[in-house]
Amino acid sequence: MMDRTIVMIHGMFGGSWCWDNYRRFFTDRGCRCLAPALRHHEADPRDEPHPDLGTTSLLDYADDLEKVIRGLDEKPVVMGHSMGGLIAQILGSRGLARLLVLLTPATPAGILAIDPSVIKSAAVNVCEWGFWKKPIRSTYEATCYSAMHLLPEPERREAFSRFGYESGRALFEMGFWFLDGRQATRIDAAAIAVPVLIVSGAEDRITPSSGHRKLARKYLKMASFMEFPNHAHWIFGEPGWETIASHIHLWLSHNSGG
């Protein structure tokens, strides 16, 4: 495993910087780590969003990453967080991953994981008419509630200062898949033919562990499921993230024969 490539896919509003901890951790253990920014996510968060961001699909993100992966000299581990975890599943269904690691992932079409905390987390964006064709942005209060409530305050402020805009189309495809004519998040479980690790935080409010358990059942023959108490959505940056990374590293080693 130690000489393998990991492609790390960030979630909504994020960028390559989200993976700073994990890149250091896995690079120190002999991995080559790539963390590309998704389409239109390279901008300074203080700038106006790219005019095409609002209508960019999850499938556009996946197509861009497919080109990156096909340019590698080996099939990589594909690791995704939140929305990036859903994109990782799309890539896995295309046969592009050697192993899949999904950290507090968004779930594909067909899995209902709605509870009051999910509704409260998403309300800041979905209550605006036409959000599905506009760039969207979170607020500090909504981000703290939905994703960063276990981070110390200074770290919350620092992380949120780096948050940018996101695609309203992508949010629609995830949250309203039953209305999406393209079925962008529909994934055939049989197409996932590699081991899948699903990492869940017991206190996750926006992608609750109940949905992750359903996801593990979807990929039953291939899935391993780890749920961590005292962790939530920002699982790769919360206090104690090193312990989780160590569990992931061990799982990767066991499933790659190295």
Protein backbone atom coordinates (compact mmCIF):
# COMPACT_ATOMS: atom_id res chain seq x y z
CA MET A 1 0.00 0.00 0.00
CA MET A 2 2.82 2.33 0.84
CA ASP A 3 3.63 3.27 -2.75
CA ARG A 4 0.02 3.74 -3.83
CA THR A 5 -1.78 6.81 -5.09
CA ILE A 6 -4.74 8.34 -3.25
CA VAL A 7 -7.05 10.80 -5.02
CA MET A 8 -8.82 12.91 -2.41
CA ILE A 9 -12.11 14.63 -3.32
CA HIS A 10 -13.35 17.54 -1.21
CA GLY A 11 -16.95 18.38 -0.41
CA MET A 12 -19.27 21.34 -0.85
CA PHE A 13 -17.81 24.86 -0.55
CA GLY A 14 -14.34 23.39 -0.09
CA GLY A 15 -11.08 23.02 -1.93
CA SER A 16 -7.80 21.13 -1.91
CA TRP A 17 -7.00 22.70 1.46
CA CYS A 18 -9.64 20.52 3.17
CA TRP A 19 -7.25 17.57 2.86
CA ASP A 20 -4.17 19.23 4.41
CA ASN A 21 -4.18 16.94 7.47
CA TYR A 22 -4.73 13.76 5.50
CA ARG A 23 -2.23 14.64 2.80
CA ARG A 24 0.47 15.05 5.43
CA PHE A 25 -0.58 11.90 7.26
CA PHE A 26 -0.67 9.61 4.23
CA THR A 27 2.33 11.18 2.49
CA ASP A 28 4.37 10.49 5.64
CA ARG A 29 3.35 6.83 5.24
CA GLY A 30 4.58 6.53 1.69
CA CYS A 31 1.49 7.42 -0.33
CA ARG A 32 1.25 9.81 -3.25
CA CYS A 33 -1.68 12.10 -2.45
CA LEU A 34 -3.54 14.15 -5.04
CA ALA A 35 -6.27 16.56 -3.92
CA PRO A 36 -7.53 18.41 -7.01
CA ALA A 37 -9.95 21.30 -6.60
CA LEU A 38 -13.31 20.65 -8.22
CA ARG A 39 -14.32 22.68 -11.25
CA HIS A 40 -14.71 26.42 -10.44
CA HIS A 41 -13.41 25.90 -6.87
CA GLU A 42 -9.95 27.37 -7.38
CA ALA A 43 -11.05 30.99 -6.88
CA ASP A 44 -10.28 33.17 -3.90
CA PRO A 45 -13.34 32.84 -1.62
CA ARG A 46 -13.58 36.64 -1.54
CA ASP A 47 -14.16 36.76 -5.30
CA GLU A 48 -17.44 36.42 -7.13
CA PRO A 49 -18.17 32.85 -8.28
CA HIS A 50 -17.64 31.64 -11.82
CA PRO A 51 -20.82 32.32 -13.82
CA ASP A 52 -21.17 28.64 -14.74
CA LEU A 53 -20.80 27.29 -11.22
CA GLY A 54 -24.50 27.35 -10.38
CA THR A 55 -25.41 24.89 -13.13
CA THR A 56 -22.39 22.60 -12.77
CA SER A 57 -23.46 19.00 -12.19
CA LEU A 58 -21.96 16.33 -9.99
CA LEU A 59 -21.40 14.50 -13.26
CA ASP A 60 -19.25 17.40 -14.47
CA TYR A 61 -17.12 17.08 -11.35
CA ALA A 62 -16.89 13.32 -11.88
CA ASP A 63 -15.95 13.71 -15.56
CA ASP A 64 -13.11 16.08 -14.65
CA LEU A 65 -11.78 13.68 -12.04
CA GLU A 66 -12.08 10.75 -14.42
CA LYS A 67 -9.65 12.54 -16.74
CA VAL A 68 -7.23 13.01 -13.84
CA ILE A 69 -7.45 9.34 -12.86
CA ARG A 70 -7.06 8.05 -16.41
CA GLY A 71 -3.86 10.08 -16.65
CA LEU A 72 -2.27 8.22 -13.71
CA ASP A 73 0.07 5.27 -14.06
CA GLU A 74 -2.01 3.15 -11.67
CA LYS A 75 -5.58 2.85 -10.51
CA PRO A 76 -5.79 4.89 -7.29
CA VAL A 77 -7.53 4.69 -3.99
CA VAL A 78 -10.38 7.19 -4.32
CA MET A 79 -11.18 8.97 -1.06
CA GLY A 80 -14.04 11.46 -0.74
CA HIS A 81 -15.59 13.59 1.98
CA SER A 82 -19.28 14.57 2.04
CA MET A 83 -20.26 15.51 -1.54
CA GLY A 84 -16.83 14.24 -2.53
CA GLY A 85 -17.81 10.87 -1.09
CA LEU A 86 -20.73 10.73 -3.48
CA ILE A 87 -18.52 11.72 -6.39
CA ALA A 88 -16.15 8.94 -5.31
CA GLN A 89 -19.02 6.45 -5.58
CA ILE A 90 -19.78 7.66 -9.11
CA LEU A 91 -16.13 7.15 -10.04
CA GLY A 92 -16.12 3.75 -8.40
CA SER A 93 -19.14 2.72 -10.46
CA ARG A 94 -17.11 3.61 -13.57
CA GLY A 95 -14.39 1.18 -12.55
CA LEU A 96 -11.86 3.90 -11.78
CA ALA A 97 -10.94 3.04 -8.18
CA ARG A 98 -8.78 0.34 -6.63
CA LEU A 99 -10.41 0.98 -3.25
CA LEU A 100 -13.04 3.48 -2.10
CA VAL A 101 -12.88 5.41 1.18
CA LEU A 102 -15.97 7.49 1.97
CA LEU A 103 -15.77 9.95 4.88
CA THR A 104 -19.18 11.12 6.11
CA PRO A 105 -20.39 10.77 2.52
CA ALA A 106 -23.50 12.12 0.85
CA THR A 107 -25.67 9.19 -0.18
CA PRO A 108 -26.87 8.33 -3.70
CA ALA A 109 -30.37 8.30 -5.13
CA GLY A 110 -32.67 5.83 -3.43
CA ILE A 111 -31.36 6.32 0.11
CA LEU A 112 -33.49 8.50 2.35
CA ALA A 113 -31.63 9.92 5.33
CA ILE A 114 -33.83 12.84 6.32
CA ASP A 115 -34.21 13.97 9.91
CA PRO A 116 -34.72 17.40 11.49
CA SER A 117 -30.99 18.13 11.66
CA VAL A 118 -30.61 17.53 7.91
CA ILE A 119 -33.50 19.87 7.14
CA LYS A 120 -32.10 22.56 9.45
CA SER A 121 -28.63 22.15 7.93
CA ALA A 122 -29.83 22.59 4.34
CA ALA A 123 -32.49 25.24 4.92
CA VAL A 124 -30.16 28.20 4.41
CA ASN A 125 -29.69 27.18 0.76
CA VAL A 126 -32.80 25.33 -0.37
CA CYS A 127 -35.29 27.92 0.83
CA GLU A 128 -34.24 30.32 -1.91
CA TRP A 129 -36.27 29.86 -5.10
CA GLY A 130 -34.13 28.88 -8.05
CA PHE A 131 -31.21 27.69 -5.92
CA TRP A 132 -30.79 24.77 -8.35
CA LYS A 133 -29.40 27.05 -11.03
CA LYS A 134 -27.42 29.52 -8.93
CA PRO A 135 -24.12 29.56 -7.07
CA ILE A 136 -24.88 29.08 -3.39
CA ARG A 137 -23.00 29.89 -0.22
CA SER A 138 -23.33 28.83 3.39
CA THR A 139 -23.37 31.09 6.43
CA TYR A 140 -21.04 30.76 9.39
CA GLU A 141 -23.94 29.88 11.68
CA ALA A 142 -25.27 27.19 9.35
CA THR A 143 -21.80 25.72 8.84
CA CYS A 144 -21.13 25.56 12.55
CA TYR A 145 -24.44 23.79 13.14
CA SER A 146 -24.26 21.34 10.26
CA ALA A 147 -20.59 20.46 9.97
CA MET A 148 -18.22 22.06 12.47
CA HIS A 149 -19.91 21.97 15.87
CA LEU A 150 -17.13 19.77 17.30
CA LEU A 151 -14.30 22.02 16.10
CA PRO A 152 -12.77 24.56 18.48
CA GLU A 153 -13.95 28.08 17.67
CA PRO A 154 -10.63 29.38 16.21
CA GLU A 155 -10.45 26.40 13.86
CA ARG A 156 -14.06 26.93 12.80
CA ARG A 157 -13.33 30.53 11.92
CA GLU A 158 -10.19 29.63 9.99
CA ALA A 159 -11.87 26.84 8.00
CA PHE A 160 -14.96 28.89 7.22
CA SER A 161 -12.82 31.78 5.98
CA ARG A 162 -11.68 29.45 3.19
CA PHE A 163 -15.17 28.32 2.17
CA GLY A 164 -16.27 29.45 -1.29
CA TYR A 165 -19.37 29.12 -3.42
CA GLU A 166 -20.94 25.85 -4.51
CA SER A 167 -23.15 24.63 -7.32
CA GLY A 168 -26.86 24.84 -6.63
CA ARG A 169 -27.32 22.18 -9.28
CA ALA A 170 -25.11 19.77 -7.36
CA LEU A 171 -27.08 20.39 -4.16
CA PHE A 172 -30.32 19.75 -6.03
CA GLU A 173 -28.98 16.48 -7.46
CA MET A 174 -28.04 15.27 -3.98
CA GLY A 175 -31.00 16.46 -1.96
CA PHE A 176 -33.78 16.22 -4.53
CA TRP A 177 -32.69 13.18 -6.55
CA PHE A 178 -36.34 12.11 -6.89
CA LEU A 179 -36.95 15.23 -9.02
CA ASP A 180 -33.73 15.00 -11.04
CA GLY A 181 -34.48 13.88 -14.57
CA ARG A 182 -30.83 13.06 -15.21
CA GLN A 183 -30.64 10.89 -12.09
CA ALA A 184 -27.09 12.12 -11.59
CA THR A 185 -26.73 10.31 -8.27
CA ARG A 186 -28.26 6.98 -9.31
CA ILE A 187 -25.60 4.31 -8.73
CA ASP A 188 -25.85 0.62 -9.56
CA ALA A 189 -24.50 -1.17 -6.50
CA ALA A 190 -23.38 -4.07 -8.69
CA ALA A 191 -21.02 -1.70 -10.51
CA ILE A 192 -19.03 -1.14 -7.30
CA ALA A 193 -16.69 -4.12 -7.52
CA VAL A 194 -13.99 -3.03 -5.07
CA PRO A 195 -13.84 -2.84 -1.25
CA VAL A 196 -15.57 0.22 0.17
CA LEU A 197 -14.89 1.78 3.57
CA ILE A 198 -17.66 4.00 4.95
CA VAL A 199 -16.55 6.27 7.82
CA SER A 200 -19.33 7.87 9.85
CA GLY A 201 -19.49 10.28 12.76
CA ALA A 202 -22.13 9.46 15.36
CA GLU A 203 -22.86 13.18 15.84
CA ASP A 204 -23.03 14.09 12.14
CA ARG A 205 -26.00 16.39 11.54
CA ILE A 206 -25.97 16.84 7.77
CA THR A 207 -25.11 13.30 6.62
CA PRO A 208 -26.35 11.27 9.58
CA SER A 209 -25.02 7.84 10.41
CA SER A 210 -28.46 6.34 9.73
CA GLY A 211 -27.91 7.08 6.06
CA HIS A 212 -24.39 5.67 6.18
CA ARG A 213 -25.71 2.39 7.57
CA LYS A 214 -28.14 2.23 4.65
CA LEU A 215 -25.24 2.92 2.31
CA ALA A 216 -23.29 0.04 3.84
CA ARG A 217 -26.27 -2.23 3.19
CA LYS A 218 -26.39 -1.03 -0.44
CA TYR A 219 -22.79 -2.13 -0.96
CA LEU A 220 -23.20 -5.05 1.42
CA LYS A 221 -20.77 -7.50 -0.18
CA MET A 222 -18.03 -4.91 -0.58
CA ALA A 223 -18.58 -2.57 2.39
CA SER A 224 -16.85 -2.05 5.70
CA PHE A 225 -18.50 0.39 8.11
CA MET A 226 -16.84 2.37 10.88
CA GLU A 227 -18.80 4.72 13.13
CA PHE A 228 -16.89 6.95 15.52
CA PRO A 229 -18.48 8.39 18.67
CA ASN A 230 -17.70 12.00 19.52
CA HIS A 231 -17.19 12.83 15.85
CA ALA A 232 -19.37 14.64 13.35
CA HIS A 233 -19.25 15.81 9.74
CA TRP A 234 -15.85 17.54 9.73
CA ILE A 235 -14.34 14.22 10.69
CA PHE A 236 -10.99 14.79 8.99
CA GLY A 237 -10.29 17.94 10.98
CA GLU A 238 -11.93 17.45 14.36
CA PRO A 239 -9.86 16.78 17.47
CA GLY A 240 -8.82 13.14 17.28
CA TRP A 241 -8.74 13.00 13.47
CA GLU A 242 -5.38 11.19 13.63
CA THR A 243 -7.00 8.14 15.22
CA ILE A 244 -9.50 7.89 12.39
CA ALA A 245 -6.79 8.34 9.79
CA SER A 246 -4.87 5.51 11.42
CA HIS A 247 -7.90 3.22 11.18
CA ILE A 248 -8.25 4.12 7.51
CA HIS A 249 -4.56 3.47 6.88
CA LEU A 250 -4.84 0.05 8.52
CA TRP A 251 -7.92 -0.80 6.44
CA LEU A 252 -6.13 0.25 3.26
CA SER A 253 -3.14 -1.91 4.16
CA HIS A 254 -5.32 -4.93 4.87
CA ASN A 255 -7.22 -4.53 1.61
CA SER A 256 -4.25 -3.92 -0.66
CA GLY A 257 -1.95 -6.65 0.54
CA GLY A 258 0.76 -4.18 1.50
